[in-house]
Amino acid sequence: MPVRAHEFDALRARALMEADCGFGSTLGHWVGQVLAHRLQAARFRLLDLHAHYGSGRYL
């Protein structure tokens, strides 16, 4: 599975987000999507490992 890493200066990013609300909103939305995707993937892995097979329900 390919992995991408993004590195940026947090202080500069915060300053840019405060200066341009549209940019701040877009960046916040993007980060939120990435975090949500990672949490959902971790949840599915945990379900695969620990849920009763064939239970047919979500935790």
PDB file of N, CA and C in Angstrom:
ATOM      1  N   MET A   1       0.844  -1.173   0.000  1.00  0.00           N
ATOM      2  CA  MET A   1       0.000   0.000   0.000  1.00  0.00           C
ATOM      3  C   MET A   1       0.894   1.243   0.000  1.00  0.00           C
ATOM      4  N   PRO A   2       0.669   2.170  -0.933  1.00  0.00           N
ATOM      5  CA  PRO A   2       1.496   3.370  -0.990  1.00  0.00           C
ATOM      6  C   PRO A   2       1.221   4.291   0.201  1.00  0.00           C
ATOM      7  N   VAL A   3       2.263   4.963   0.632  1.00  0.00           N
ATOM      8  CA  VAL A   3       2.163   5.883   1.761  1.00  0.00           C
ATOM      9  C   VAL A   3       2.622   7.258   1.309  1.00  0.00           C
ATOM     10  N   ARG A   4       1.864   8.271   1.698  1.00  0.00           N
ATOM     11  CA  ARG A   4       2.253   9.650   1.408  1.00  0.00           C
ATOM     12  C   ARG A   4       2.453  10.381   2.725  1.00  0.00           C
ATOM     13  N   ALA A   5       3.461  11.199   2.776  1.00  0.00           N
ATOM     14  CA  ALA A   5       3.716  12.011   3.965  1.00  0.00           C
ATOM     15  C   ALA A   5       3.812  13.476   3.547  1.00  0.00           C
ATOM     16  N   HIS A   6       3.183  14.320   4.336  1.00  0.00           N
ATOM     17  CA  HIS A   6       3.237  15.754   4.083  1.00  0.00           C
ATOM     18  C   HIS A   6       3.859  16.418   5.303  1.00  0.00           C
ATOM     19  N   GLU A   7       4.824  17.249   5.057  1.00  0.00           N
ATOM     20  CA  GLU A   7       5.491  17.962   6.134  1.00  0.00           C
ATOM     21  C   GLU A   7       5.364  19.453   5.870  1.00  0.00           C
ATOM     22  N   PHE A   8       5.014  20.192   6.909  1.00  0.00           N
ATOM     23  CA  PHE A   8       4.917  21.628   6.765  1.00  0.00           C
ATOM     24  C   PHE A   8       5.194  22.295   8.105  1.00  0.00           C
ATOM     25  N   ASP A   9       5.528  23.572   8.029  1.00  0.00           N
ATOM     26  CA  ASP A   9       5.804  24.373   9.208  1.00  0.00           C
ATOM     27  C   ASP A   9       4.466  24.762   9.842  1.00  0.00           C
ATOM     28  N   ALA A  10       4.177  24.258  11.033  1.00  0.00           N
ATOM     29  CA  ALA A  10       2.884  24.467  11.678  1.00  0.00           C
ATOM     30  C   ALA A  10       2.620  25.939  11.975  1.00  0.00           C
ATOM     31  N   LEU A  11       3.621  26.663  12.409  1.00  0.00           N
ATOM     32  CA  LEU A  11       3.410  28.084  12.718  1.00  0.00           C
ATOM     33  C   LEU A  11       3.046  28.875  11.471  1.00  0.00           C
ATOM     34  N   ARG A  12       3.721  28.583  10.388  1.00  0.00           N
ATOM     35  CA  ARG A  12       3.412  29.270   9.123  1.00  0.00           C
ATOM     36  C   ARG A  12       2.032  28.866   8.615  1.00  0.00           C
ATOM     37  N   ALA A  13       1.698  27.589   8.735  1.00  0.00           N
ATOM     38  CA  ALA A  13       0.380  27.119   8.302  1.00  0.00           C
ATOM     39  C   ALA A  13      -0.720  27.809   9.106  1.00  0.00           C
ATOM     40  N   ARG A  14      -0.535  27.935  10.418  1.00  0.00           N
ATOM     41  CA  ARG A  14      -1.528  28.624  11.251  1.00  0.00           C
ATOM     42  C   ARG A  14      -1.686  30.077  10.837  1.00  0.00           C
ATOM     43  N   ALA A  15      -0.570  30.729  10.567  1.00  0.00           N
ATOM     44  CA  ALA A  15      -0.624  32.131  10.137  1.00  0.00           C
ATOM     45  C   ALA A  15      -1.371  32.255   8.810  1.00  0.00           C
ATOM     46  N   LEU A  16      -1.114  31.342   7.872  1.00  0.00           N
ATOM     47  CA  LEU A  16      -1.817  31.359   6.584  1.00  0.00           C
ATOM     48  C   LEU A  16      -3.301  31.076   6.758  1.00  0.00           C
ATOM     49  N   MET A  17      -3.639  30.159   7.669  1.00  0.00           N
ATOM     50  CA  MET A  17      -5.039  29.827   7.917  1.00  0.00           C
ATOM     51  C   MET A  17      -5.785  31.016   8.518  1.00  0.00           C
ATOM     52  N   GLU A  18      -5.137  31.761   9.391  1.00  0.00           N
ATOM     53  CA  GLU A  18      -5.767  32.935   9.988  1.00  0.00           C
ATOM     54  C   GLU A  18      -5.905  34.073   8.975  1.00  0.00           C
ATOM     55  N   ALA A  19      -4.930  34.187   8.078  1.00  0.00           N
ATOM     56  CA  ALA A  19      -4.956  35.258   7.083  1.00  0.00           C
ATOM     57  C   ALA A  19      -5.977  35.003   5.980  1.00  0.00           C
ATOM     58  N   ASP A  20      -6.215  33.741   5.644  1.00  0.00           N
ATOM     59  CA  ASP A  20      -7.128  33.382   4.552  1.00  0.00           C
ATOM     60  C   ASP A  20      -8.099  32.327   5.067  1.00  0.00           C
ATOM     61  N   CYS A  21      -9.307  32.761   5.400  1.00  0.00           N
ATOM     62  CA  CYS A  21     -10.297  31.838   5.983  1.00  0.00           C
ATOM     63  C   CYS A  21     -10.663  30.702   5.031  1.00  0.00           C
ATOM     64  N   GLY A  22     -10.693  30.968   3.748  1.00  0.00           N
ATOM     65  CA  GLY A  22     -11.003  29.916   2.769  1.00  0.00           C
ATOM     66  C   GLY A  22      -9.940  28.828   2.769  1.00  0.00           C
ATOM     67  N   PHE A  23      -8.685  29.252   2.801  1.00  0.00           N
ATOM     68  CA  PHE A  23      -7.577  28.299   2.874  1.00  0.00           C
ATOM     69  C   PHE A  23      -7.639  27.510   4.172  1.00  0.00           C
ATOM     70  N   GLY A  24      -7.901  28.204   5.284  1.00  0.00           N
ATOM     71  CA  GLY A  24      -7.991  27.544   6.579  1.00  0.00           C
ATOM     72  C   GLY A  24      -9.092  26.501   6.607  1.00  0.00           C
ATOM     73  N   SER A  25     -10.233  26.843   6.036  1.00  0.00           N
ATOM     74  CA  SER A  25     -11.353  25.904   5.985  1.00  0.00           C
ATOM     75  C   SER A  25     -11.013  24.692   5.122  1.00  0.00           C
ATOM     76  N   THR A  26     -10.410  24.932   3.972  1.00  0.00           N
ATOM     77  CA  THR A  26     -10.037  23.831   3.070  1.00  0.00           C
ATOM     78  C   THR A  26      -9.007  22.915   3.710  1.00  0.00           C
ATOM     79  N   LEU A  27      -7.991  23.498   4.329  1.00  0.00           N
ATOM     80  CA  LEU A  27      -6.954  22.695   4.966  1.00  0.00           C
ATOM     81  C   LEU A  27      -7.530  21.896   6.139  1.00  0.00           C
ATOM     82  N   GLY A  28      -8.362  22.533   6.944  1.00  0.00           N
ATOM     83  CA  GLY A  28      -8.992  21.834   8.069  1.00  0.00           C
ATOM     84  C   GLY A  28      -9.869  20.691   7.598  1.00  0.00           C
ATOM     85  N   HIS A  29     -10.608  20.902   6.515  1.00  0.00           N
ATOM     86  CA  HIS A  29     -11.459  19.841   5.949  1.00  0.00           C
ATOM     87  C   HIS A  29     -10.603  18.678   5.450  1.00  0.00           C
ATOM     88  N   TRP A  30      -9.517  18.984   4.766  1.00  0.00           N
ATOM     89  CA  TRP A  30      -8.640  17.942   4.240  1.00  0.00           C
ATOM     90  C   TRP A  30      -8.037  17.108   5.372  1.00  0.00           C
ATOM     91  N   VAL A  31      -7.523  17.781   6.396  1.00  0.00           N
ATOM     92  CA  VAL A  31      -6.938  17.069   7.541  1.00  0.00           C
ATOM     93  C   VAL A  31      -7.993  16.210   8.227  1.00  0.00           C
ATOM     94  N   GLY A  32      -9.201  16.739   8.379  1.00  0.00           N
ATOM     95  CA  GLY A  32     -10.287  15.975   8.986  1.00  0.00           C
ATOM     96  C   GLY A  32     -10.632  14.731   8.192  1.00  0.00           C
ATOM     97  N   GLN A  33     -10.635  14.830   6.870  1.00  0.00           N
ATOM     98  CA  GLN A  33     -10.913  13.661   6.027  1.00  0.00           C
ATOM     99  C   GLN A  33      -9.833  12.594   6.185  1.00  0.00           C
ATOM    100  N   VAL A  34      -8.585  13.011   6.223  1.00  0.00           N
ATOM    101  CA  VAL A  34      -7.481  12.066   6.384  1.00  0.00           C
ATOM    102  C   VAL A  34      -7.603  11.347   7.732  1.00  0.00           C
ATOM    103  N   LEU A  35      -7.854  12.100   8.794  1.00  0.00           N
ATOM    104  CA  LEU A  35      -7.991  11.489  10.120  1.00  0.00           C
ATOM    105  C   LEU A  35      -9.180  10.536  10.180  1.00  0.00           C
ATOM    106  N   ALA A  36     -10.306  10.940   9.606  1.00  0.00           N
ATOM    107  CA  ALA A  36     -11.488  10.082   9.611  1.00  0.00           C
ATOM    108  C   ALA A  36     -11.220   8.781   8.855  1.00  0.00           C
ATOM    109  N   HIS A  37     -10.538   8.879   7.724  1.00  0.00           N
ATOM    110  CA  HIS A  37     -10.222   7.680   6.938  1.00  0.00           C
ATOM    111  C   HIS A  37      -9.316   6.736   7.737  1.00  0.00           C
ATOM    112  N   ARG A  38      -8.320   7.286   8.397  1.00  0.00           N
ATOM    113  CA  ARG A  38      -7.397   6.453   9.180  1.00  0.00           C
ATOM    114  C   ARG A  38      -8.094   5.807  10.367  1.00  0.00           C
ATOM    115  N   LEU A  39      -8.965   6.548  11.042  1.00  0.00           N
ATOM    116  CA  LEU A  39      -9.695   5.975  12.172  1.00  0.00           C
ATOM    117  C   LEU A  39     -10.642   4.871  11.712  1.00  0.00           C
ATOM    118  N   GLN A  40     -11.311   5.079  10.580  1.00  0.00           N
ATOM    119  CA  GLN A  40     -12.216   4.054  10.054  1.00  0.00           C
ATOM    120  C   GLN A  40     -11.437   2.805   9.663  1.00  0.00           C
ATOM    121  N   ALA A  41     -10.271   2.960   9.050  1.00  0.00           N
ATOM    122  CA  ALA A  41      -9.447   1.809   8.677  1.00  0.00           C
ATOM    123  C   ALA A  41      -8.998   1.046   9.920  1.00  0.00           C
ATOM    124  N   ALA A  42      -8.606   1.758  10.963  1.00  0.00           N
ATOM    125  CA  ALA A  42      -8.200   1.104  12.214  1.00  0.00           C
ATOM    126  C   ALA A  42      -9.373   0.371  12.836  1.00  0.00           C
ATOM    127  N   ARG A  43     -10.558   0.968  12.787  1.00  0.00           N
ATOM    128  CA  ARG A  43     -11.758   0.322  13.330  1.00  0.00           C
ATOM    129  C   ARG A  43     -12.048  -0.986  12.595  1.00  0.00           C
ATOM    130  N   PHE A  44     -11.968  -0.962  11.270  1.00  0.00           N
ATOM    131  CA  PHE A  44     -12.220  -2.177  10.497  1.00  0.00           C
ATOM    132  C   PHE A  44     -11.195  -3.268  10.818  1.00  0.00           C
ATOM    133  N   ARG A  45      -9.930  -2.871  10.998  1.00  0.00           N
ATOM    134  CA  ARG A  45      -8.911  -3.866  11.357  1.00  0.00           C
ATOM    135  C   ARG A  45      -9.219  -4.483  12.718  1.00  0.00           C
ATOM    136  N   LEU A  46      -9.628  -3.660  13.665  1.00  0.00           N
ATOM    137  CA  LEU A  46      -9.974  -4.181  14.989  1.00  0.00           C
ATOM    138  C   LEU A  46     -11.193  -5.100  14.925  1.00  0.00           C
ATOM    139  N   LEU A  47     -12.180  -4.730  14.126  1.00  0.00           N
ATOM    140  CA  LEU A  47     -13.350  -5.597  13.970  1.00  0.00           C
ATOM    141  C   LEU A  47     -12.958  -6.936  13.363  1.00  0.00           C
ATOM    142  N   ASP A  48     -12.087  -6.899  12.363  1.00  0.00           N
ATOM    143  CA  ASP A  48     -11.628  -8.143  11.752  1.00  0.00           C
ATOM    144  C   ASP A  48     -10.922  -9.036  12.760  1.00  0.00           C
ATOM    145  N   LEU A  49     -10.184  -8.437  13.668  1.00  0.00           N
ATOM    146  CA  LEU A  49      -9.429  -9.221  14.639  1.00  0.00           C
ATOM    147  C   LEU A  49     -10.267  -9.702  15.812  1.00  0.00           C
ATOM    148  N   HIS A  50     -11.225  -8.890  16.276  1.00  0.00           N
ATOM    149  CA  HIS A  50     -11.857  -9.166  17.554  1.00  0.00           C
ATOM    150  C   HIS A  50     -13.367  -9.408  17.513  1.00  0.00           C
ATOM    151  N   ALA A  51     -14.052  -9.066  16.422  1.00  0.00           N
ATOM    152  CA  ALA A  51     -15.498  -9.274  16.374  1.00  0.00           C
ATOM    153  C   ALA A  51     -15.795 -10.753  16.157  1.00  0.00           C
ATOM    154  N   HIS A  52     -16.924 -11.174  16.677  1.00  0.00           N
ATOM    155  CA  HIS A  52     -17.339 -12.553  16.466  1.00  0.00           C
ATOM    156  C   HIS A  52     -17.627 -12.758  14.985  1.00  0.00           C
ATOM    157  N   TYR A  53     -17.103 -13.791  14.421  1.00  0.00           N
ATOM    158  CA  TYR A  53     -17.282 -14.055  13.003  1.00  0.00           C
ATOM    159  C   TYR A  53     -18.758 -14.301  12.723  1.00  0.00           C
ATOM    160  N   GLY A  54     -19.287 -13.591  11.728  1.00  0.00           N
ATOM    161  CA  GLY A  54     -20.668 -13.779  11.328  1.00  0.00           C
ATOM    162  C   GLY A  54     -21.669 -13.160  12.271  1.00  0.00           C
ATOM    163  N   SER A  55     -21.251 -12.263  13.145  1.00  0.00           N
ATOM    164  CA  SER A  55     -22.207 -11.646  14.079  1.00  0.00           C
ATOM    165  C   SER A  55     -23.188 -10.737  13.342  1.00  0.00           C
ATOM    166  N   GLY A  56     -22.747 -10.185  12.201  1.00  0.00           N
ATOM    167  CA  GLY A  56     -23.632  -9.377  11.394  1.00  0.00           C
ATOM    168  C   GLY A  56     -23.993  -8.021  11.982  1.00  0.00           C
ATOM    169  N   ARG A  57     -23.274  -7.586  12.971  1.00  0.00           N
ATOM    170  CA  ARG A  57     -23.583  -6.275  13.546  1.00  0.00           C
ATOM    171  C   ARG A  57     -22.313  -5.486  13.750  1.00  0.00           C
ATOM    172  N   TYR A  58     -22.473  -4.168  13.745  1.00  0.00           N
ATOM    173  CA  TYR A  58     -21.357  -3.282  13.985  1.00  0.00           C
ATOM    174  C   TYR A  58     -21.270  -2.976  15.454  1.00  0.00           C
ATOM    175  N   LEU A  59     -20.080  -2.697  15.916  1.00  0.00           N
ATOM    176  CA  LEU A  59     -19.903  -2.324  17.322  1.00  0.00           C
ATOM    177  C   LEU A  59     -20.135  -0.851  17.510  1.00  0.00           C
TER     178      LEU A  59
END
